[in-house]
Amino acid sequence: MIAQFSLKLASLLQPYLFEICLAQIVTVLVLCSDTIDRCFRRLLRPNHFIIRVTGFVLLNAFGYGFATLAGGSVLKQFYLQINLSLRYPVILGIFIFIGVVAERMKRC
């Protein structure tokens, strides 16, 4: 019964697998963005204002965008390797894990 429900859910959500992967990648990036920005800021601190602003724009516009799309594609390929009846329980578990990490980081 649970396996049938999982298969039905998998068939309903299959067309949205890439969007689900994007949601997970973006959530992880939001959790890590303070650390990434802080390190990038330290790296650019000794440079001129124009270089710092350009670096900030490039990181946010292209760096995070590339990380989101590339990470989403890799994660989708990973999920496609998982048995269909287990795929969505694994995805749900990862969302719960991300939520627990966010709570421990006091981001909620």
PDB file of N, CA and C in Angstrom:
ATOM      1  N   MET A   1       0.819  -1.196   0.000  1.00  0.00           N
ATOM      2  CA  MET A   1       0.000   0.000   0.000  1.00  0.00           C
ATOM      3  C   MET A   1       0.868   1.267   0.000  1.00  0.00           C
ATOM      4  N   ILE A   2       1.870   1.281   0.878  1.00  0.00           N
ATOM      5  CA  ILE A   2       2.764   2.436   0.914  1.00  0.00           C
ATOM      6  C   ILE A   2       3.570   2.512  -0.378  1.00  0.00           C
ATOM      7  N   ALA A   3       3.981   1.362  -0.894  1.00  0.00           N
ATOM      8  CA  ALA A   3       4.731   1.342  -2.153  1.00  0.00           C
ATOM      9  C   ALA A   3       3.870   1.854  -3.301  1.00  0.00           C
ATOM     10  N   GLN A   4       2.579   1.492  -3.309  1.00  0.00           N
ATOM     11  CA  GLN A   4       1.677   1.987  -4.359  1.00  0.00           C
ATOM     12  C   GLN A   4       1.510   3.497  -4.254  1.00  0.00           C
ATOM     13  N   PHE A   5       1.366   3.999  -3.029  1.00  0.00           N
ATOM     14  CA  PHE A   5       1.237   5.441  -2.829  1.00  0.00           C
ATOM     15  C   PHE A   5       2.504   6.155  -3.300  1.00  0.00           C
ATOM     16  N   SER A   6       3.659   5.588  -2.968  1.00  0.00           N
ATOM     17  CA  SER A   6       4.922   6.185  -3.381  1.00  0.00           C
ATOM     18  C   SER A   6       5.065   6.195  -4.902  1.00  0.00           C
ATOM     19  N   LEU A   7       4.653   5.116  -5.553  1.00  0.00           N
ATOM     20  CA  LEU A   7       4.710   5.067  -7.021  1.00  0.00           C
ATOM     21  C   LEU A   7       3.749   6.072  -7.647  1.00  0.00           C
ATOM     22  N   LYS A   8       2.560   6.210  -7.073  1.00  0.00           N
ATOM     23  CA  LYS A   8       1.584   7.184  -7.582  1.00  0.00           C
ATOM     24  C   LYS A   8       2.127   8.603  -7.421  1.00  0.00           C
ATOM     25  N   LEU A   9       2.696   8.882  -6.252  1.00  0.00           N
ATOM     26  CA  LEU A   9       3.287  10.193  -6.010  1.00  0.00           C
ATOM     27  C   LEU A   9       4.443  10.448  -6.978  1.00  0.00           C
ATOM     28  N   ALA A  10       5.243   9.425  -7.214  1.00  0.00           N
ATOM     29  CA  ALA A  10       6.366   9.560  -8.142  1.00  0.00           C
ATOM     30  C   ALA A  10       5.885   9.884  -9.547  1.00  0.00           C
ATOM     31  N   SER A  11       4.812   9.243  -9.975  1.00  0.00           N
ATOM     32  CA  SER A  11       4.304   9.520 -11.323  1.00  0.00           C
ATOM     33  C   SER A  11       3.711  10.920 -11.425  1.00  0.00           C
ATOM     34  N   LEU A  12       3.118  11.411 -10.339  1.00  0.00           N
ATOM     35  CA  LEU A  12       2.558  12.767 -10.355  1.00  0.00           C
ATOM     36  C   LEU A  12       3.645  13.843 -10.339  1.00  0.00           C
ATOM     37  N   LEU A  13       4.721  13.587  -9.612  1.00  0.00           N
ATOM     38  CA  LEU A  13       5.757  14.599  -9.442  1.00  0.00           C
ATOM     39  C   LEU A  13       6.917  14.481 -10.428  1.00  0.00           C
ATOM     40  N   GLN A  14       6.969  13.413 -11.198  1.00  0.00           N
ATOM     41  CA  GLN A  14       8.070  13.194 -12.134  1.00  0.00           C
ATOM     42  C   GLN A  14       8.315  14.375 -13.079  1.00  0.00           C
ATOM     43  N   PRO A  15       7.268  14.999 -13.643  1.00  0.00           N
ATOM     44  CA  PRO A  15       7.526  16.139 -14.541  1.00  0.00           C
ATOM     45  C   PRO A  15       8.154  17.342 -13.831  1.00  0.00           C
ATOM     46  N   TYR A  16       8.099  17.370 -12.506  1.00  0.00           N
ATOM     47  CA  TYR A  16       8.604  18.512 -11.740  1.00  0.00           C
ATOM     48  C   TYR A  16       9.907  18.198 -11.015  1.00  0.00           C
ATOM     49  N   LEU A  17      10.572  17.116 -11.391  1.00  0.00           N
ATOM     50  CA  LEU A  17      11.776  16.697 -10.678  1.00  0.00           C
ATOM     51  C   LEU A  17      12.866  17.764 -10.731  1.00  0.00           C
ATOM     52  N   PHE A  18      13.072  18.397 -11.875  1.00  0.00           N
ATOM     53  CA  PHE A  18      14.114  19.424 -11.970  1.00  0.00           C
ATOM     54  C   PHE A  18      13.790  20.611 -11.068  1.00  0.00           C
ATOM     55  N   GLU A  19      12.526  21.018 -11.010  1.00  0.00           N
ATOM     56  CA  GLU A  19      12.136  22.129 -10.149  1.00  0.00           C
ATOM     57  C   GLU A  19      12.320  21.773  -8.676  1.00  0.00           C
ATOM     58  N   ILE A  20      12.041  20.530  -8.329  1.00  0.00           N
ATOM     59  CA  ILE A  20      12.260  20.072  -6.956  1.00  0.00           C
ATOM     60  C   ILE A  20      13.750  20.141  -6.623  1.00  0.00           C
ATOM     61  N   CYS A  21      14.577  19.722  -7.564  1.00  0.00           N
ATOM     62  CA  CYS A  21      16.027  19.784  -7.370  1.00  0.00           C
ATOM     63  C   CYS A  21      16.498  21.226  -7.230  1.00  0.00           C
ATOM     64  N   LEU A  22      15.953  22.113  -8.049  1.00  0.00           N
ATOM     65  CA  LEU A  22      16.311  23.528  -7.940  1.00  0.00           C
ATOM     66  C   LEU A  22      15.940  24.076  -6.570  1.00  0.00           C
ATOM     67  N   ALA A  23      14.774  23.699  -6.063  1.00  0.00           N
ATOM     68  CA  ALA A  23      14.346  24.165  -4.743  1.00  0.00           C
ATOM     69  C   ALA A  23      15.326  23.714  -3.667  1.00  0.00           C
ATOM     70  N   GLN A  24      15.796  22.487  -3.758  1.00  0.00           N
ATOM     71  CA  GLN A  24      16.748  22.001  -2.761  1.00  0.00           C
ATOM     72  C   GLN A  24      18.090  22.721  -2.874  1.00  0.00           C
ATOM     73  N   ILE A  25      18.571  22.904  -4.089  1.00  0.00           N
ATOM     74  CA  ILE A  25      19.857  23.580  -4.283  1.00  0.00           C
ATOM     75  C   ILE A  25      19.778  25.029  -3.807  1.00  0.00           C
ATOM     76  N   VAL A  26      18.706  25.725  -4.154  1.00  0.00           N
ATOM     77  CA  VAL A  26      18.555  27.122  -3.750  1.00  0.00           C
ATOM     78  C   VAL A  26      18.473  27.234  -2.232  1.00  0.00           C
ATOM     79  N   THR A  27      17.778  26.313  -1.601  1.00  0.00           N
ATOM     80  CA  THR A  27      17.669  26.345  -0.149  1.00  0.00           C
ATOM     81  C   THR A  27      19.036  26.168   0.504  1.00  0.00           C
ATOM     82  N   VAL A  28      19.827  25.246  -0.007  1.00  0.00           N
ATOM     83  CA  VAL A  28      21.179  25.052   0.534  1.00  0.00           C
ATOM     84  C   VAL A  28      22.036  26.291   0.283  1.00  0.00           C
ATOM     85  N   LEU A  29      21.907  26.902  -0.889  1.00  0.00           N
ATOM     86  CA  LEU A  29      22.671  28.121  -1.176  1.00  0.00           C
ATOM     87  C   LEU A  29      22.273  29.258  -0.244  1.00  0.00           C
ATOM     88  N   VAL A  30      21.000  29.367   0.068  1.00  0.00           N
ATOM     89  CA  VAL A  30      20.554  30.400   1.006  1.00  0.00           C
ATOM     90  C   VAL A  30      21.175  30.162   2.378  1.00  0.00           C
ATOM     91  N   LEU A  31      21.224  28.910   2.794  1.00  0.00           N
ATOM     92  CA  LEU A  31      21.818  28.593   4.092  1.00  0.00           C
ATOM     93  C   LEU A  31      23.314  28.900   4.120  1.00  0.00           C
ATOM     94  N   CYS A  32      23.986  28.716   3.004  1.00  0.00           N
ATOM     95  CA  CYS A  32      25.443  28.895   2.944  1.00  0.00           C
ATOM     96  C   CYS A  32      25.865  30.263   2.435  1.00  0.00           C
ATOM     97  N   SER A  33      24.936  31.082   1.995  1.00  0.00           N
ATOM     98  CA  SER A  33      25.307  32.329   1.319  1.00  0.00           C
ATOM     99  C   SER A  33      26.065  33.289   2.227  1.00  0.00           C
ATOM    100  N   ASP A  34      25.743  33.334   3.519  1.00  0.00           N
ATOM    101  CA  ASP A  34      26.482  34.228   4.419  1.00  0.00           C
ATOM    102  C   ASP A  34      27.963  33.871   4.454  1.00  0.00           C
ATOM    103  N   THR A  35      28.249  32.605   4.565  1.00  0.00           N
ATOM    104  CA  THR A  35      29.639  32.156   4.613  1.00  0.00           C
ATOM    105  C   THR A  35      30.342  32.419   3.288  1.00  0.00           C
ATOM    106  N   ILE A  36      29.669  32.116   2.192  1.00  0.00           N
ATOM    107  CA  ILE A  36      30.259  32.348   0.867  1.00  0.00           C
ATOM    108  C   ILE A  36      30.520  33.837   0.664  1.00  0.00           C
ATOM    109  N   ASP A  37      29.536  34.672   0.992  1.00  0.00           N
ATOM    110  CA  ASP A  37      29.701  36.119   0.824  1.00  0.00           C
ATOM    111  C   ASP A  37      30.820  36.664   1.709  1.00  0.00           C
ATOM    112  N   ARG A  38      30.904  36.177   2.937  1.00  0.00           N
ATOM    113  CA  ARG A  38      31.941  36.638   3.855  1.00  0.00           C
ATOM    114  C   ARG A  38      33.336  36.296   3.313  1.00  0.00           C
ATOM    115  N   CYS A  39      33.509  35.086   2.834  1.00  0.00           N
ATOM    116  CA  CYS A  39      34.812  34.686   2.264  1.00  0.00           C
ATOM    117  C   CYS A  39      35.141  35.497   1.015  1.00  0.00           C
ATOM    118  N   PHE A  40      34.141  35.701   0.176  1.00  0.00           N
ATOM    119  CA  PHE A  40      34.356  36.467  -1.053  1.00  0.00           C
ATOM    120  C   PHE A  40      34.683  37.925  -0.723  1.00  0.00           C
ATOM    121  N   ARG A  41      34.015  38.466   0.298  1.00  0.00           N
ATOM    122  CA  ARG A  41      34.271  39.842   0.715  1.00  0.00           C
ATOM    123  C   ARG A  41      35.703  39.984   1.225  1.00  0.00           C
ATOM    124  N   ARG A  42      36.167  39.021   2.011  1.00  0.00           N
ATOM    125  CA  ARG A  42      37.555  39.053   2.492  1.00  0.00           C
ATOM    126  C   ARG A  42      38.545  38.985   1.336  1.00  0.00           C
ATOM    127  N   LEU A  43      38.209  38.189   0.342  1.00  0.00           N
ATOM    128  CA  LEU A  43      39.081  38.051  -0.823  1.00  0.00           C
ATOM    129  C   LEU A  43      39.188  39.366  -1.594  1.00  0.00           C
ATOM    130  N   LEU A  44      38.072  40.083  -1.701  1.00  0.00           N
ATOM    131  CA  LEU A  44      38.048  41.313  -2.500  1.00  0.00           C
ATOM    132  C   LEU A  44      38.333  42.579  -1.696  1.00  0.00           C
ATOM    133  N   ARG A  45      38.405  42.502  -0.387  1.00  0.00           N
ATOM    134  CA  ARG A  45      38.547  43.686   0.459  1.00  0.00           C
ATOM    135  C   ARG A  45      39.708  44.598   0.069  1.00  0.00           C
ATOM    136  N   PRO A  46      40.884  44.089  -0.246  1.00  0.00           N
ATOM    137  CA  PRO A  46      41.988  45.009  -0.556  1.00  0.00           C
ATOM    138  C   PRO A  46      41.873  45.692  -1.923  1.00  0.00           C
ATOM    139  N   ASN A  47      40.903  45.323  -2.724  1.00  0.00           N
ATOM    140  CA  ASN A  47      40.786  45.870  -4.077  1.00  0.00           C
ATOM    141  C   ASN A  47      39.961  47.153  -4.101  1.00  0.00           C
ATOM    142  N   HIS A  48      40.012  47.824  -5.244  1.00  0.00           N
ATOM    143  CA  HIS A  48      39.278  49.071  -5.461  1.00  0.00           C
ATOM    144  C   HIS A  48      37.771  48.820  -5.411  1.00  0.00           C
ATOM    145  N   PHE A  49      37.022  49.858  -5.118  1.00  0.00           N
ATOM    146  CA  PHE A  49      35.562  49.791  -4.997  1.00  0.00           C
ATOM    147  C   PHE A  49      34.909  49.189  -6.240  1.00  0.00           C
ATOM    148  N   ILE A  50      35.334  49.610  -7.421  1.00  0.00           N
ATOM    149  CA  ILE A  50      34.744  49.119  -8.674  1.00  0.00           C
ATOM    150  C   ILE A  50      34.940  47.605  -8.800  1.00  0.00           C
ATOM    151  N   ILE A  51      36.113  47.138  -8.443  1.00  0.00           N
ATOM    152  CA  ILE A  51      36.383  45.696  -8.517  1.00  0.00           C
ATOM    153  C   ILE A  51      35.533  44.942  -7.502  1.00  0.00           C
ATOM    154  N   ARG A  52      35.380  45.487  -6.300  1.00  0.00           N
ATOM    155  CA  ARG A  52      34.544  44.837  -5.282  1.00  0.00           C
ATOM    156  C   ARG A  52      33.097  44.749  -5.737  1.00  0.00           C
ATOM    157  N   VAL A  53      32.564  45.834  -6.292  1.00  0.00           N
ATOM    158  CA  VAL A  53      31.174  45.834  -6.763  1.00  0.00           C
ATOM    159  C   VAL A  53      31.011  44.867  -7.932  1.00  0.00           C
ATOM    160  N   THR A  54      31.957  44.894  -8.863  1.00  0.00           N
ATOM    161  CA  THR A  54      31.891  43.973 -10.004  1.00  0.00           C
ATOM    162  C   THR A  54      31.941  42.525  -9.537  1.00  0.00           C
ATOM    163  N   GLY A  55      32.819  42.233  -8.605  1.00  0.00           N
ATOM    164  CA  GLY A  55      32.898  40.879  -8.060  1.00  0.00           C
ATOM    165  C   GLY A  55      31.611  40.459  -7.382  1.00  0.00           C
ATOM    166  N   PHE A  56      31.014  41.368  -6.629  1.00  0.00           N
ATOM    167  CA  PHE A  56      29.751  41.075  -5.956  1.00  0.00           C
ATOM    168  C   PHE A  56      28.646  40.777  -6.970  1.00  0.00           C
ATOM    169  N   VAL A  57      28.563  41.595  -8.013  1.00  0.00           N
ATOM    170  CA  VAL A  57      27.541  41.386  -9.044  1.00  0.00           C
ATOM    171  C   VAL A  57      27.781  40.061  -9.765  1.00  0.00           C
ATOM    172  N   LEU A  58      29.026  39.774 -10.105  1.00  0.00           N
ATOM    173  CA  LEU A  58      29.334  38.518 -10.797  1.00  0.00           C
ATOM    174  C   LEU A  58      29.023  37.308  -9.922  1.00  0.00           C
ATOM    175  N   LEU A  59      29.358  37.392  -8.644  1.00  0.00           N
ATOM    176  CA  LEU A  59      29.062  36.279  -7.739  1.00  0.00           C
ATOM    177  C   LEU A  59      27.564  36.043  -7.642  1.00  0.00           C
ATOM    178  N   ASN A  60      26.800  37.107  -7.439  1.00  0.00           N
ATOM    179  CA  ASN A  60      25.363  36.943  -7.238  1.00  0.00           C
ATOM    180  C   ASN A  60      24.610  36.649  -8.524  1.00  0.00           C
ATOM    181  N   ALA A  61      24.978  37.295  -9.606  1.00  0.00           N
ATOM    182  CA  ALA A  61      24.241  37.101 -10.855  1.00  0.00           C
ATOM    183  C   ALA A  61      24.633  35.814 -11.560  1.00  0.00           C
ATOM    184  N   PHE A  62      25.919  35.557 -11.621  1.00  0.00           N
ATOM    185  CA  PHE A  62      26.377  34.411 -12.402  1.00  0.00           C
ATOM    186  C   PHE A  62      26.827  33.238 -11.536  1.00  0.00           C
ATOM    187  N   GLY A  63      27.506  33.517 -10.449  1.00  0.00           N
ATOM    188  CA  GLY A  63      28.014  32.439  -9.603  1.00  0.00           C
ATOM    189  C   GLY A  63      26.906  31.614  -8.979  1.00  0.00           C
ATOM    190  N   TYR A  64      25.986  32.285  -8.300  1.00  0.00           N
ATOM    191  CA  TYR A  64      24.877  31.558  -7.679  1.00  0.00           C
ATOM    192  C   TYR A  64      23.940  30.981  -8.735  1.00  0.00           C
ATOM    193  N   GLY A  65      23.751  31.691  -9.829  1.00  0.00           N
ATOM    194  CA  GLY A  65      22.907  31.170 -10.908  1.00  0.00           C
ATOM    195  C   GLY A  65      23.490  29.908 -11.520  1.00  0.00           C
ATOM    196  N   PHE A  66      24.791  29.929 -11.790  1.00  0.00           N
ATOM    197  CA  PHE A  66      25.446  28.740 -12.336  1.00  0.00           C
ATOM    198  C   PHE A  66      25.404  27.592 -11.339  1.00  0.00           C
ATOM    199  N   ALA A  67      25.672  27.892 -10.073  1.00  0.00           N
ATOM    200  CA  ALA A  67      25.637  26.843  -9.045  1.00  0.00           C
ATOM    201  C   ALA A  67      24.246  26.230  -8.941  1.00  0.00           C
ATOM    202  N   THR A  68      23.219  27.058  -9.079  1.00  0.00           N
ATOM    203  CA  THR A  68      21.850  26.557  -8.998  1.00  0.00           C
ATOM    204  C   THR A  68      21.537  25.635 -10.169  1.00  0.00           C
ATOM    205  N   LEU A  69      21.816  26.083 -11.378  1.00  0.00           N
ATOM    206  CA  LEU A  69      21.486  25.267 -12.551  1.00  0.00           C
ATOM    207  C   LEU A  69      22.354  24.016 -12.652  1.00  0.00           C
ATOM    208  N   ALA A  70      23.642  24.159 -12.418  1.00  0.00           N
ATOM    209  CA  ALA A  70      24.525  22.990 -12.491  1.00  0.00           C
ATOM    210  C   ALA A  70      24.205  22.005 -11.373  1.00  0.00           C
ATOM    211  N   GLY A  71      24.015  22.528 -10.172  1.00  0.00           N
ATOM    212  CA  GLY A  71      23.670  21.656  -9.053  1.00  0.00           C
ATOM    213  C   GLY A  71      22.330  20.977  -9.244  1.00  0.00           C
ATOM    214  N   GLY A  72      21.363  21.703  -9.810  1.00  0.00           N
ATOM    215  CA  GLY A  72      20.057  21.106 -10.082  1.00  0.00           C
ATOM    216  C   GLY A  72      20.145  19.974 -11.084  1.00  0.00           C
ATOM    217  N   SER A  73      20.961  20.149 -12.104  1.00  0.00           N
ATOM    218  CA  SER A  73      21.132  19.087 -13.107  1.00  0.00           C
ATOM    219  C   SER A  73      21.809  17.859 -12.516  1.00  0.00           C
ATOM    220  N   VAL A  74      22.844  18.086 -11.721  1.00  0.00           N
ATOM    221  CA  VAL A  74      23.550  16.963 -11.092  1.00  0.00           C
ATOM    222  C   VAL A  74      22.630  16.238 -10.119  1.00  0.00           C
ATOM    223  N   LEU A  75      21.881  16.999  -9.322  1.00  0.00           N
ATOM    224  CA  LEU A  75      20.973  16.385  -8.352  1.00  0.00           C
ATOM    225  C   LEU A  75      19.861  15.605  -9.048  1.00  0.00           C
ATOM    226  N   LYS A  76      19.366  16.133 -10.163  1.00  0.00           N
ATOM    227  CA  LYS A  76      18.335  15.410 -10.913  1.00  0.00           C
ATOM    228  C   LYS A  76      18.874  14.080 -11.422  1.00  0.00           C
ATOM    229  N   GLN A  77      20.084  14.084 -11.955  1.00  0.00           N
ATOM    230  CA  GLN A  77      20.678  12.829 -12.425  1.00  0.00           C
ATOM    231  C   GLN A  77      20.866  11.842 -11.274  1.00  0.00           C
ATOM    232  N   PHE A  78      21.224  12.360 -10.109  1.00  0.00           N
ATOM    233  CA  PHE A  78      21.350  11.502  -8.929  1.00  0.00           C
ATOM    234  C   PHE A  78      20.001  10.886  -8.569  1.00  0.00           C
ATOM    235  N   TYR A  79      18.948  11.708  -8.546  1.00  0.00           N
ATOM    236  CA  TYR A  79      17.622  11.198  -8.186  1.00  0.00           C
ATOM    237  C   TYR A  79      17.103  10.200  -9.214  1.00  0.00           C
ATOM    238  N   LEU A  80      17.445  10.391 -10.471  1.00  0.00           N
ATOM    239  CA  LEU A  80      16.989   9.454 -11.498  1.00  0.00           C
ATOM    240  C   LEU A  80      17.630   8.074 -11.343  1.00  0.00           C
ATOM    241  N   GLN A  81      18.734   7.998 -10.623  1.00  0.00           N
ATOM    242  CA  GLN A  81      19.382   6.708 -10.375  1.00  0.00           C
ATOM    243  C   GLN A  81      18.702   5.928  -9.248  1.00  0.00           C
ATOM    244  N   ILE A  82      17.879   6.610  -8.457  1.00  0.00           N
ATOM    245  CA  ILE A  82      17.206   5.972  -7.323  1.00  0.00           C
ATOM    246  C   ILE A  82      15.938   5.294  -7.822  1.00  0.00           C
ATOM    247  N   ASN A  83      15.657   4.135  -7.280  1.00  0.00           N
ATOM    248  CA  ASN A  83      14.447   3.385  -7.606  1.00  0.00           C
ATOM    249  C   ASN A  83      13.220   4.290  -7.446  1.00  0.00           C
ATOM    250  N   LEU A  84      12.290   4.190  -8.383  1.00  0.00           N
ATOM    251  CA  LEU A  84      11.128   5.077  -8.406  1.00  0.00           C
ATOM    252  C   LEU A  84      10.321   5.020  -7.112  1.00  0.00           C
ATOM    253  N   SER A  85      10.189   3.850  -6.513  1.00  0.00           N
ATOM    254  CA  SER A  85       9.389   3.745  -5.289  1.00  0.00           C
ATOM    255  C   SER A  85      10.089   4.367  -4.086  1.00  0.00           C
ATOM    256  N   LEU A  86      11.399   4.570  -4.170  1.00  0.00           N
ATOM    257  CA  LEU A  86      12.147   5.175  -3.062  1.00  0.00           C
ATOM    258  C   LEU A  86      12.502   6.636  -3.304  1.00  0.00           C
ATOM    259  N   ARG A  87      12.357   7.088  -4.538  1.00  0.00           N
ATOM    260  CA  ARG A  87      12.836   8.419  -4.908  1.00  0.00           C
ATOM    261  C   ARG A  87      12.205   9.531  -4.071  1.00  0.00           C
ATOM    262  N   TYR A  88      10.904   9.542  -3.938  1.00  0.00           N
ATOM    263  CA  TYR A  88      10.262  10.665  -3.258  1.00  0.00           C
ATOM    264  C   TYR A  88      10.346  10.584  -1.744  1.00  0.00           C
ATOM    265  N   PRO A  89      10.397   9.404  -1.137  1.00  0.00           N
ATOM    266  CA  PRO A  89      10.751   9.397   0.288  1.00  0.00           C
ATOM    267  C   PRO A  89      12.162   9.943   0.545  1.00  0.00           C
ATOM    268  N   VAL A  90      13.100   9.664  -0.356  1.00  0.00           N
ATOM    269  CA  VAL A  90      14.455  10.205  -0.216  1.00  0.00           C
ATOM    270  C   VAL A  90      14.429  11.724  -0.360  1.00  0.00           C
ATOM    271  N   ILE A  91      13.702  12.229  -1.353  1.00  0.00           N
ATOM    272  CA  ILE A  91      13.609  13.678  -1.555  1.00  0.00           C
ATOM    273  C   ILE A  91      12.973  14.347  -0.344  1.00  0.00           C
ATOM    274  N   LEU A  92      11.912  13.765   0.177  1.00  0.00           N
ATOM    275  CA  LEU A  92      11.266  14.311   1.373  1.00  0.00           C
ATOM    276  C   LEU A  92      12.227  14.295   2.550  1.00  0.00           C
ATOM    277  N   GLY A  93      12.967  13.214   2.700  1.00  0.00           N
ATOM    278  CA  GLY A  93      13.945  13.131   3.779  1.00  0.00           C
ATOM    279  C   GLY A  93      15.018  14.199   3.669  1.00  0.00           C
ATOM    280  N   ILE A  94      15.440  14.491   2.448  1.00  0.00           N
ATOM    281  CA  ILE A  94      16.458  15.527   2.256  1.00  0.00           C
ATOM    282  C   ILE A  94      15.889  16.905   2.577  1.00  0.00           C
ATOM    283  N   PHE A  95      14.636  17.166   2.191  1.00  0.00           N
ATOM    284  CA  PHE A  95      14.010  18.435   2.572  1.00  0.00           C
ATOM    285  C   PHE A  95      13.927  18.559   4.092  1.00  0.00           C
ATOM    286  N   ILE A  96      13.569  17.488   4.767  1.00  0.00           N
ATOM    287  CA  ILE A  96      13.497  17.519   6.233  1.00  0.00           C
ATOM    288  C   ILE A  96      14.884  17.755   6.822  1.00  0.00           C
ATOM    289  N   PHE A  97      15.895  17.085   6.275  1.00  0.00           N
ATOM    290  CA  PHE A  97      17.269  17.279   6.740  1.00  0.00           C
ATOM    291  C   PHE A  97      17.703  18.736   6.573  1.00  0.00           C
ATOM    292  N   ILE A  98      17.401  19.331   5.419  1.00  0.00           N
ATOM    293  CA  ILE A  98      17.750  20.738   5.185  1.00  0.00           C
ATOM    294  C   ILE A  98      17.032  21.627   6.200  1.00  0.00           C
ATOM    295  N   GLY A  99      15.771  21.312   6.491  1.00  0.00           N
ATOM    296  CA  GLY A  99      15.028  22.082   7.484  1.00  0.00           C
ATOM    297  C   GLY A  99      15.627  21.978   8.873  1.00  0.00           C
ATOM    298  N   VAL A 100      16.071  20.788   9.253  1.00  0.00           N
ATOM    299  CA  VAL A 100      16.709  20.602  10.562  1.00  0.00           C
ATOM    300  C   VAL A 100      18.012  21.393  10.626  1.00  0.00           C
ATOM    301  N   VAL A 101      18.795  21.339   9.560  1.00  0.00           N
ATOM    302  CA  VAL A 101      20.044  22.109   9.519  1.00  0.00           C
ATOM    303  C   VAL A 101      19.743  23.602   9.618  1.00  0.00           C
ATOM    304  N   ALA A 102      18.732  24.065   8.904  1.00  0.00           N
ATOM    305  CA  ALA A 102      18.364  25.484   8.958  1.00  0.00           C
ATOM    306  C   ALA A 102      17.936  25.877  10.365  1.00  0.00           C
ATOM    307  N   GLU A 103      17.194  25.022  11.022  1.00  0.00           N
ATOM    308  CA  GLU A 103      16.755  25.312  12.388  1.00  0.00           C
ATOM    309  C   GLU A 103      17.953  25.389  13.332  1.00  0.00           C
ATOM    310  N   ARG A 104      18.893  24.495  13.169  1.00  0.00           N
ATOM    311  CA  ARG A 104      20.082  24.519  14.024  1.00  0.00           C
ATOM    312  C   ARG A 104      20.952  25.736  13.747  1.00  0.00           C
ATOM    313  N   MET A 105      20.892  26.240  12.521  1.00  0.00           N
ATOM    314  CA  MET A 105      21.648  27.442  12.177  1.00  0.00           C
ATOM    315  C   MET A 105      20.861  28.700  12.524  1.00  0.00           C
ATOM    316  N   LYS A 106      19.667  28.514  13.069  1.00  0.00           N
ATOM    317  CA  LYS A 106      18.774  29.628  13.449  1.00  0.00           C
ATOM    318  C   LYS A 106      18.398  30.477  12.247  1.00  0.00           C
ATOM    319  N   ARG A 107      18.104  29.812  11.112  1.00  0.00           N
ATOM    320  CA  ARG A 107      17.717  30.521   9.898  1.00  0.00           C
ATOM    321  C   ARG A 107      16.218  30.493   9.672  1.00  0.00           C
ATOM    322  N   CYS A 108      15.476  29.877  10.567  1.00  0.00           N
ATOM    323  CA  CYS A 108      14.023  29.787  10.373  1.00  0.00           C
ATOM    324  C   CYS A 108      13.311  30.821  11.201  1.00  0.00           C
TER     325      CYS A 108
END
